[in-house]
Amino acid sequence: MQAYLTKSAVTQLSYDVVGFAIKVHRELGPGLLESVYEKCLKYERVKNGYQVTQQLKVPVKYDDLVIDADLRLDLLVNDTVIVELKAIECILPIHEAQLMTYMKLLQNPQGLLINFNVVNISKSMKPYVNEFFKQLLDR
């Protein structure tokens, strides 16, 4: 994560990400595999000048031990916002916990949980912030 980030910059980045998700959803609609939406969303972001890492391995650190638990987040945008994508009937608390854990382990300030198996993404999308977001400057 970049040290000079502000709350407004992170919020704007997340807003942009949601805009691309809406565009992809509008074009494809619900009913496809999560991996299809992930590839299309990555394509849109890269095409528009964003740095995107796909299927990033998330290490688990415990004391002096680093565990390769084979955890992978879907997308990381500009090394700042974690995006977890779903294509399921409904978001469950375990999905929220998964995103919050990735945010904590990687020390990222914001995450987005986006379910593509809905009629309206903007009503079902959930942004999350944590203590790292609270430490950012307000500008």
N, C-alpha and C. Protein backbone atom coordinates (compact mmCIF):
# COMPACT_ATOMS: atom_id res chain seq x y z
N MET A 1 0.84 -1.18 0.00
CA MET A 1 0.00 0.00 0.00
C MET A 1 0.89 1.24 0.00
N GLN A 2 0.46 2.27 -0.67
CA GLN A 2 1.23 3.49 -0.80
C GLN A 2 1.04 4.37 0.43
N ALA A 3 2.14 4.92 0.96
CA ALA A 3 2.12 5.68 2.20
C ALA A 3 1.42 7.03 2.06
N TYR A 4 1.35 7.60 0.88
CA TYR A 4 0.80 8.94 0.68
C TYR A 4 -0.69 8.95 0.39
N LEU A 5 -1.34 7.85 0.51
CA LEU A 5 -2.77 7.77 0.21
C LEU A 5 -3.60 8.58 1.19
N THR A 6 -4.71 9.10 0.67
CA THR A 6 -5.67 9.79 1.52
C THR A 6 -6.99 9.02 1.49
N LYS A 7 -7.85 9.31 2.44
CA LYS A 7 -9.16 8.67 2.47
C LYS A 7 -9.94 8.97 1.19
N SER A 8 -9.87 10.21 0.73
CA SER A 8 -10.63 10.56 -0.47
C SER A 8 -10.07 9.86 -1.71
N ALA A 9 -8.77 9.66 -1.80
CA ALA A 9 -8.18 8.96 -2.95
C ALA A 9 -8.60 7.49 -2.96
N VAL A 10 -8.61 6.87 -1.80
CA VAL A 10 -9.02 5.47 -1.70
C VAL A 10 -10.50 5.35 -2.04
N THR A 11 -11.30 6.26 -1.53
CA THR A 11 -12.74 6.25 -1.80
C THR A 11 -13.00 6.45 -3.29
N GLN A 12 -12.27 7.35 -3.93
CA GLN A 12 -12.44 7.58 -5.36
C GLN A 12 -12.04 6.35 -6.16
N LEU A 13 -10.96 5.70 -5.76
CA LEU A 13 -10.53 4.48 -6.44
C LEU A 13 -11.61 3.40 -6.35
N SER A 14 -12.19 3.25 -5.17
CA SER A 14 -13.27 2.27 -5.00
C SER A 14 -14.49 2.64 -5.84
N TYR A 15 -14.80 3.91 -5.90
CA TYR A 15 -15.91 4.39 -6.71
C TYR A 15 -15.68 4.03 -8.19
N ASP A 16 -14.45 4.22 -8.65
CA ASP A 16 -14.10 3.88 -10.04
C ASP A 16 -14.25 2.38 -10.29
N VAL A 17 -13.79 1.58 -9.33
CA VAL A 17 -13.89 0.12 -9.45
C VAL A 17 -15.35 -0.30 -9.57
N VAL A 18 -16.20 0.27 -8.75
CA VAL A 18 -17.63 -0.06 -8.79
C VAL A 18 -18.21 0.33 -10.15
N GLY A 19 -17.79 1.46 -10.68
CA GLY A 19 -18.26 1.88 -12.00
C GLY A 19 -17.92 0.87 -13.08
N PHE A 20 -16.72 0.31 -13.02
CA PHE A 20 -16.34 -0.73 -13.99
C PHE A 20 -17.15 -2.00 -13.78
N ALA A 21 -17.41 -2.34 -12.51
CA ALA A 21 -18.22 -3.54 -12.22
C ALA A 21 -19.63 -3.37 -12.78
N ILE A 22 -20.19 -2.18 -12.64
CA ILE A 22 -21.52 -1.91 -13.18
C ILE A 22 -21.50 -2.05 -14.70
N LYS A 23 -20.46 -1.54 -15.34
CA LYS A 23 -20.34 -1.64 -16.79
C LYS A 23 -20.28 -3.10 -17.24
N VAL A 24 -19.46 -3.90 -16.57
CA VAL A 24 -19.35 -5.32 -16.91
C VAL A 24 -20.68 -6.03 -16.69
N HIS A 25 -21.32 -5.75 -15.57
CA HIS A 25 -22.60 -6.39 -15.24
C HIS A 25 -23.68 -5.99 -16.24
N ARG A 26 -23.69 -4.73 -16.63
CA ARG A 26 -24.68 -4.25 -17.59
C ARG A 26 -24.51 -4.98 -18.93
N GLU A 27 -23.26 -5.22 -19.31
CA GLU A 27 -22.98 -5.89 -20.58
C GLU A 27 -23.27 -7.40 -20.53
N LEU A 28 -22.86 -8.06 -19.45
CA LEU A 28 -22.96 -9.51 -19.38
C LEU A 28 -24.20 -10.02 -18.64
N GLY A 29 -24.68 -9.24 -17.67
CA GLY A 29 -25.80 -9.69 -16.85
C GLY A 29 -25.38 -10.75 -15.85
N PRO A 30 -26.32 -11.21 -15.02
CA PRO A 30 -26.01 -12.25 -14.04
C PRO A 30 -26.00 -13.63 -14.71
N GLY A 31 -25.46 -14.63 -14.00
CA GLY A 31 -25.56 -16.01 -14.45
C GLY A 31 -24.29 -16.66 -14.95
N LEU A 32 -23.19 -15.90 -15.00
CA LEU A 32 -21.93 -16.48 -15.45
C LEU A 32 -21.06 -16.88 -14.26
N LEU A 33 -19.97 -17.55 -14.54
CA LEU A 33 -19.03 -17.91 -13.49
C LEU A 33 -18.29 -16.68 -12.98
N GLU A 34 -17.90 -16.72 -11.72
CA GLU A 34 -17.14 -15.63 -11.11
C GLU A 34 -15.89 -15.32 -11.91
N SER A 35 -15.22 -16.34 -12.41
CA SER A 35 -13.96 -16.15 -13.15
C SER A 35 -14.16 -15.31 -14.41
N VAL A 36 -15.31 -15.40 -15.04
CA VAL A 36 -15.59 -14.60 -16.24
C VAL A 36 -15.66 -13.12 -15.86
N TYR A 37 -16.40 -12.82 -14.80
CA TYR A 37 -16.51 -11.43 -14.35
C TYR A 37 -15.15 -10.89 -13.92
N GLU A 38 -14.37 -11.73 -13.26
CA GLU A 38 -13.04 -11.33 -12.80
C GLU A 38 -12.15 -10.92 -13.97
N LYS A 39 -12.15 -11.73 -15.02
CA LYS A 39 -11.32 -11.43 -16.19
C LYS A 39 -11.79 -10.15 -16.89
N CYS A 40 -13.09 -9.98 -17.00
CA CYS A 40 -13.62 -8.77 -17.65
C CYS A 40 -13.34 -7.53 -16.82
N LEU A 41 -13.48 -7.64 -15.50
CA LEU A 41 -13.22 -6.50 -14.62
C LEU A 41 -11.74 -6.13 -14.65
N LYS A 42 -10.87 -7.13 -14.65
CA LYS A 42 -9.44 -6.85 -14.76
C LYS A 42 -9.15 -6.15 -16.08
N TYR A 43 -9.71 -6.64 -17.16
CA TYR A 43 -9.51 -6.04 -18.48
C TYR A 43 -9.92 -4.57 -18.48
N GLU A 44 -11.09 -4.26 -17.94
CA GLU A 44 -11.58 -2.87 -17.91
C GLU A 44 -10.63 -1.97 -17.13
N ARG A 45 -10.15 -2.45 -16.01
CA ARG A 45 -9.27 -1.62 -15.18
C ARG A 45 -7.94 -1.38 -15.85
N VAL A 46 -7.35 -2.45 -16.39
CA VAL A 46 -6.06 -2.30 -17.05
C VAL A 46 -6.21 -1.39 -18.27
N LYS A 47 -7.27 -1.57 -19.04
CA LYS A 47 -7.54 -0.74 -20.22
C LYS A 47 -7.64 0.74 -19.84
N ASN A 48 -8.08 1.01 -18.62
CA ASN A 48 -8.26 2.38 -18.15
C ASN A 48 -7.11 2.88 -17.28
N GLY A 49 -5.97 2.20 -17.33
CA GLY A 49 -4.76 2.70 -16.69
C GLY A 49 -4.52 2.32 -15.24
N TYR A 50 -5.27 1.38 -14.73
CA TYR A 50 -5.07 0.95 -13.34
C TYR A 50 -4.12 -0.24 -13.29
N GLN A 51 -3.40 -0.34 -12.19
CA GLN A 51 -2.55 -1.50 -11.95
C GLN A 51 -3.42 -2.55 -11.26
N VAL A 52 -3.48 -3.76 -11.81
CA VAL A 52 -4.33 -4.80 -11.25
C VAL A 52 -3.53 -6.09 -11.09
N THR A 53 -3.60 -6.66 -9.91
CA THR A 53 -3.02 -7.97 -9.65
C THR A 53 -4.18 -8.93 -9.46
N GLN A 54 -4.13 -10.04 -10.17
CA GLN A 54 -5.21 -11.02 -10.14
C GLN A 54 -4.75 -12.27 -9.40
N GLN A 55 -5.64 -12.83 -8.58
CA GLN A 55 -5.39 -14.07 -7.85
C GLN A 55 -4.09 -13.99 -7.03
N LEU A 56 -3.97 -12.91 -6.28
CA LEU A 56 -2.79 -12.69 -5.45
C LEU A 56 -2.81 -13.62 -4.25
N LYS A 57 -1.68 -14.30 -4.03
CA LYS A 57 -1.57 -15.17 -2.85
C LYS A 57 -1.46 -14.30 -1.60
N VAL A 58 -2.20 -14.68 -0.58
CA VAL A 58 -2.21 -13.95 0.68
C VAL A 58 -1.55 -14.83 1.74
N PRO A 59 -0.36 -14.43 2.21
CA PRO A 59 0.30 -15.23 3.24
C PRO A 59 -0.32 -14.98 4.62
N VAL A 60 -0.30 -15.98 5.44
CA VAL A 60 -0.77 -15.86 6.82
C VAL A 60 0.47 -15.82 7.71
N LYS A 61 0.59 -14.74 8.49
CA LYS A 61 1.72 -14.61 9.40
C LYS A 61 1.25 -14.87 10.81
N TYR A 62 1.94 -15.78 11.46
CA TYR A 62 1.64 -16.11 12.85
C TYR A 62 2.96 -16.16 13.60
N ASP A 63 3.16 -15.22 14.52
CA ASP A 63 4.40 -15.12 15.27
C ASP A 63 5.56 -14.97 14.28
N ASP A 64 6.53 -15.86 14.28
CA ASP A 64 7.65 -15.82 13.33
C ASP A 64 7.42 -16.73 12.13
N LEU A 65 6.24 -17.28 12.03
CA LEU A 65 5.93 -18.26 11.00
C LEU A 65 5.09 -17.62 9.89
N VAL A 66 5.45 -17.91 8.65
CA VAL A 66 4.65 -17.49 7.51
C VAL A 66 4.08 -18.77 6.90
N ILE A 67 2.76 -18.85 6.89
CA ILE A 67 2.07 -20.05 6.44
C ILE A 67 1.53 -19.83 5.03
N ASP A 68 1.85 -20.76 4.15
CA ASP A 68 1.26 -20.73 2.81
C ASP A 68 -0.04 -21.51 2.89
N ALA A 69 -1.13 -20.78 3.11
CA ALA A 69 -2.44 -21.42 3.28
C ALA A 69 -3.19 -21.48 1.95
N ASP A 70 -2.52 -21.11 0.87
CA ASP A 70 -3.10 -21.09 -0.47
C ASP A 70 -4.35 -20.21 -0.53
N LEU A 71 -4.31 -19.10 0.20
CA LEU A 71 -5.39 -18.11 0.12
C LEU A 71 -5.09 -17.20 -1.06
N ARG A 72 -6.12 -16.89 -1.85
CA ARG A 72 -5.95 -16.01 -3.00
C ARG A 72 -7.10 -15.03 -3.07
N LEU A 73 -6.75 -13.75 -3.15
CA LEU A 73 -7.80 -12.76 -3.35
C LEU A 73 -8.02 -12.59 -4.84
N ASP A 74 -9.19 -12.13 -5.21
CA ASP A 74 -9.52 -12.04 -6.62
C ASP A 74 -8.73 -10.95 -7.34
N LEU A 75 -8.88 -9.71 -6.89
CA LEU A 75 -8.19 -8.59 -7.55
C LEU A 75 -7.68 -7.60 -6.52
N LEU A 76 -6.52 -7.05 -6.79
CA LEU A 76 -5.96 -5.96 -5.99
C LEU A 76 -5.70 -4.81 -6.95
N VAL A 77 -6.34 -3.67 -6.70
CA VAL A 77 -6.25 -2.52 -7.60
C VAL A 77 -5.32 -1.47 -7.01
N ASN A 78 -4.31 -1.09 -7.81
CA ASN A 78 -3.32 -0.08 -7.41
C ASN A 78 -2.72 -0.37 -6.05
N ASP A 79 -2.53 -1.62 -5.72
CA ASP A 79 -1.96 -2.06 -4.44
C ASP A 79 -2.71 -1.48 -3.24
N THR A 80 -3.99 -1.14 -3.43
CA THR A 80 -4.73 -0.44 -2.38
C THR A 80 -6.07 -1.07 -2.05
N VAL A 81 -6.90 -1.30 -3.05
CA VAL A 81 -8.26 -1.79 -2.83
C VAL A 81 -8.35 -3.27 -3.23
N ILE A 82 -8.80 -4.09 -2.29
CA ILE A 82 -9.01 -5.51 -2.55
C ILE A 82 -10.43 -5.69 -3.05
N VAL A 83 -10.58 -6.46 -4.11
CA VAL A 83 -11.89 -6.72 -4.68
C VAL A 83 -12.15 -8.21 -4.65
N GLU A 84 -13.17 -8.61 -3.92
CA GLU A 84 -13.61 -10.00 -3.88
C GLU A 84 -14.89 -10.11 -4.67
N LEU A 85 -14.90 -10.98 -5.64
CA LEU A 85 -16.05 -11.15 -6.51
C LEU A 85 -16.78 -12.44 -6.18
N LYS A 86 -18.07 -12.39 -6.30
CA LYS A 86 -18.92 -13.57 -6.11
C LYS A 86 -19.93 -13.60 -7.24
N ALA A 87 -20.43 -14.79 -7.52
CA ALA A 87 -21.52 -14.98 -8.46
C ALA A 87 -22.43 -16.03 -7.82
N ILE A 88 -23.04 -15.62 -6.70
CA ILE A 88 -23.81 -16.54 -5.87
C ILE A 88 -25.18 -15.95 -5.54
N GLU A 89 -26.03 -16.79 -4.95
CA GLU A 89 -27.39 -16.34 -4.65
C GLU A 89 -27.42 -15.20 -3.64
N CYS A 90 -26.62 -15.31 -2.59
CA CYS A 90 -26.57 -14.22 -1.60
C CYS A 90 -25.23 -14.22 -0.88
N ILE A 91 -24.83 -13.04 -0.45
CA ILE A 91 -23.60 -12.87 0.31
C ILE A 91 -23.85 -13.32 1.74
N LEU A 92 -22.94 -14.11 2.27
CA LEU A 92 -23.03 -14.61 3.64
C LEU A 92 -21.97 -13.94 4.51
N PRO A 93 -22.14 -13.99 5.82
CA PRO A 93 -21.13 -13.41 6.72
C PRO A 93 -19.72 -13.97 6.49
N ILE A 94 -19.60 -15.22 6.08
CA ILE A 94 -18.27 -15.80 5.83
C ILE A 94 -17.56 -15.09 4.68
N HIS A 95 -18.30 -14.61 3.70
CA HIS A 95 -17.70 -13.87 2.58
C HIS A 95 -17.17 -12.52 3.05
N GLU A 96 -17.92 -11.87 3.94
CA GLU A 96 -17.48 -10.61 4.51
C GLU A 96 -16.23 -10.82 5.37
N ALA A 97 -16.23 -11.90 6.16
CA ALA A 97 -15.08 -12.21 7.01
C ALA A 97 -13.84 -12.50 6.16
N GLN A 98 -14.02 -13.19 5.05
CA GLN A 98 -12.92 -13.48 4.13
C GLN A 98 -12.28 -12.18 3.65
N LEU A 99 -13.08 -11.25 3.19
CA LEU A 99 -12.56 -9.97 2.70
C LEU A 99 -11.87 -9.19 3.81
N MET A 100 -12.49 -9.11 4.97
CA MET A 100 -11.89 -8.38 6.09
C MET A 100 -10.55 -9.00 6.50
N THR A 101 -10.46 -10.31 6.44
CA THR A 101 -9.21 -10.99 6.79
C THR A 101 -8.12 -10.67 5.77
N TYR A 102 -8.45 -10.69 4.48
CA TYR A 102 -7.48 -10.32 3.46
C TYR A 102 -7.00 -8.89 3.67
N MET A 103 -7.91 -8.00 3.99
CA MET A 103 -7.55 -6.60 4.23
C MET A 103 -6.58 -6.49 5.40
N LYS A 104 -6.84 -7.24 6.45
CA LYS A 104 -5.98 -7.21 7.63
C LYS A 104 -4.61 -7.81 7.34
N LEU A 105 -4.59 -8.97 6.70
CA LEU A 105 -3.32 -9.65 6.43
C LEU A 105 -2.42 -8.84 5.51
N LEU A 106 -3.00 -8.15 4.53
CA LEU A 106 -2.22 -7.35 3.58
C LEU A 106 -2.11 -5.88 3.96
N GLN A 107 -2.79 -5.51 5.05
CA GLN A 107 -2.80 -4.13 5.54
C GLN A 107 -3.30 -3.15 4.49
N ASN A 108 -4.39 -3.51 3.84
CA ASN A 108 -5.03 -2.64 2.86
C ASN A 108 -6.22 -1.95 3.49
N PRO A 109 -6.46 -0.68 3.13
CA PRO A 109 -7.47 0.12 3.82
C PRO A 109 -8.91 -0.12 3.39
N GLN A 110 -9.11 -0.64 2.18
CA GLN A 110 -10.49 -0.79 1.72
C GLN A 110 -10.63 -2.05 0.88
N GLY A 111 -11.83 -2.62 0.97
CA GLY A 111 -12.17 -3.78 0.18
C GLY A 111 -13.58 -3.65 -0.34
N LEU A 112 -13.82 -4.29 -1.47
CA LEU A 112 -15.15 -4.30 -2.07
C LEU A 112 -15.59 -5.74 -2.25
N LEU A 113 -16.80 -6.02 -1.84
CA LEU A 113 -17.41 -7.33 -2.03
C LEU A 113 -18.51 -7.16 -3.05
N ILE A 114 -18.31 -7.73 -4.23
CA ILE A 114 -19.23 -7.52 -5.34
C ILE A 114 -19.81 -8.85 -5.79
N ASN A 115 -21.13 -8.95 -5.75
CA ASN A 115 -21.83 -10.14 -6.21
C ASN A 115 -22.46 -9.85 -7.56
N PHE A 116 -22.06 -10.62 -8.57
CA PHE A 116 -22.58 -10.41 -9.92
C PHE A 116 -23.88 -11.15 -10.18
N ASN A 117 -24.31 -11.99 -9.27
CA ASN A 117 -25.55 -12.75 -9.48
C ASN A 117 -26.74 -11.99 -8.88
N VAL A 118 -26.88 -10.75 -9.31
CA VAL A 118 -27.95 -9.87 -8.82
C VAL A 118 -28.50 -9.07 -9.99
N VAL A 119 -29.63 -8.43 -9.76
CA VAL A 119 -30.23 -7.58 -10.78
C VAL A 119 -29.51 -6.23 -10.83
N ASN A 120 -29.14 -5.69 -9.64
CA ASN A 120 -28.54 -4.37 -9.55
C ASN A 120 -27.30 -4.41 -8.66
N ILE A 121 -26.14 -4.31 -9.27
CA ILE A 121 -24.88 -4.38 -8.51
C ILE A 121 -24.74 -3.26 -7.49
N SER A 122 -25.13 -2.05 -7.86
CA SER A 122 -24.92 -0.91 -6.96
C SER A 122 -25.70 -1.07 -5.66
N LYS A 123 -26.80 -1.81 -5.67
CA LYS A 123 -27.56 -2.03 -4.44
C LYS A 123 -27.02 -3.18 -3.61
N SER A 124 -26.28 -4.09 -4.23
CA SER A 124 -25.80 -5.26 -3.50
C SER A 124 -24.32 -5.18 -3.16
N MET A 125 -23.57 -4.27 -3.79
CA MET A 125 -22.14 -4.13 -3.55
C MET A 125 -21.90 -3.57 -2.15
N LYS A 126 -20.88 -4.11 -1.48
CA LYS A 126 -20.58 -3.66 -0.13
C LYS A 126 -19.12 -3.22 -0.02
N PRO A 127 -18.89 -1.94 0.35
CA PRO A 127 -17.51 -1.50 0.63
C PRO A 127 -17.18 -1.72 2.11
N TYR A 128 -15.94 -2.02 2.38
CA TYR A 128 -15.48 -2.23 3.75
C TYR A 128 -14.21 -1.43 3.97
N VAL A 129 -14.09 -0.84 5.15
CA VAL A 129 -12.86 -0.17 5.56
C VAL A 129 -12.44 -0.76 6.90
N ASN A 130 -11.18 -0.51 7.26
CA ASN A 130 -10.66 -1.03 8.52
C ASN A 130 -9.78 0.01 9.21
N GLU A 131 -9.00 -0.43 10.17
CA GLU A 131 -8.16 0.50 10.94
C GLU A 131 -7.10 1.17 10.06
N PHE A 132 -6.69 0.53 8.98
CA PHE A 132 -5.70 1.14 8.08
C PHE A 132 -6.31 2.32 7.33
N PHE A 133 -7.59 2.24 7.01
CA PHE A 133 -8.28 3.36 6.38
C PHE A 133 -8.38 4.53 7.36
N LYS A 134 -8.68 4.22 8.61
CA LYS A 134 -8.83 5.27 9.62
C LYS A 134 -7.53 6.03 9.86
N GLN A 135 -6.39 5.39 9.56
CA GLN A 135 -5.09 6.02 9.77
C GLN A 135 -4.67 6.94 8.60
N LEU A 136 -5.41 6.86 7.49
CA LEU A 136 -5.08 7.70 6.34
C LEU A 136 -5.43 9.16 6.60
N LEU A 137 -4.78 10.07 5.87
CA LEU A 137 -5.11 11.49 5.98
C LEU A 137 -6.51 11.74 5.43
N ASP A 138 -7.18 12.75 5.95
CA ASP A 138 -8.54 13.06 5.53
C ASP A 138 -8.64 13.78 4.21
N ARG A 139 -7.58 14.33 3.70
CA ARG A 139 -7.63 15.14 2.47
C ARG A 139 -8.22 14.42 1.32
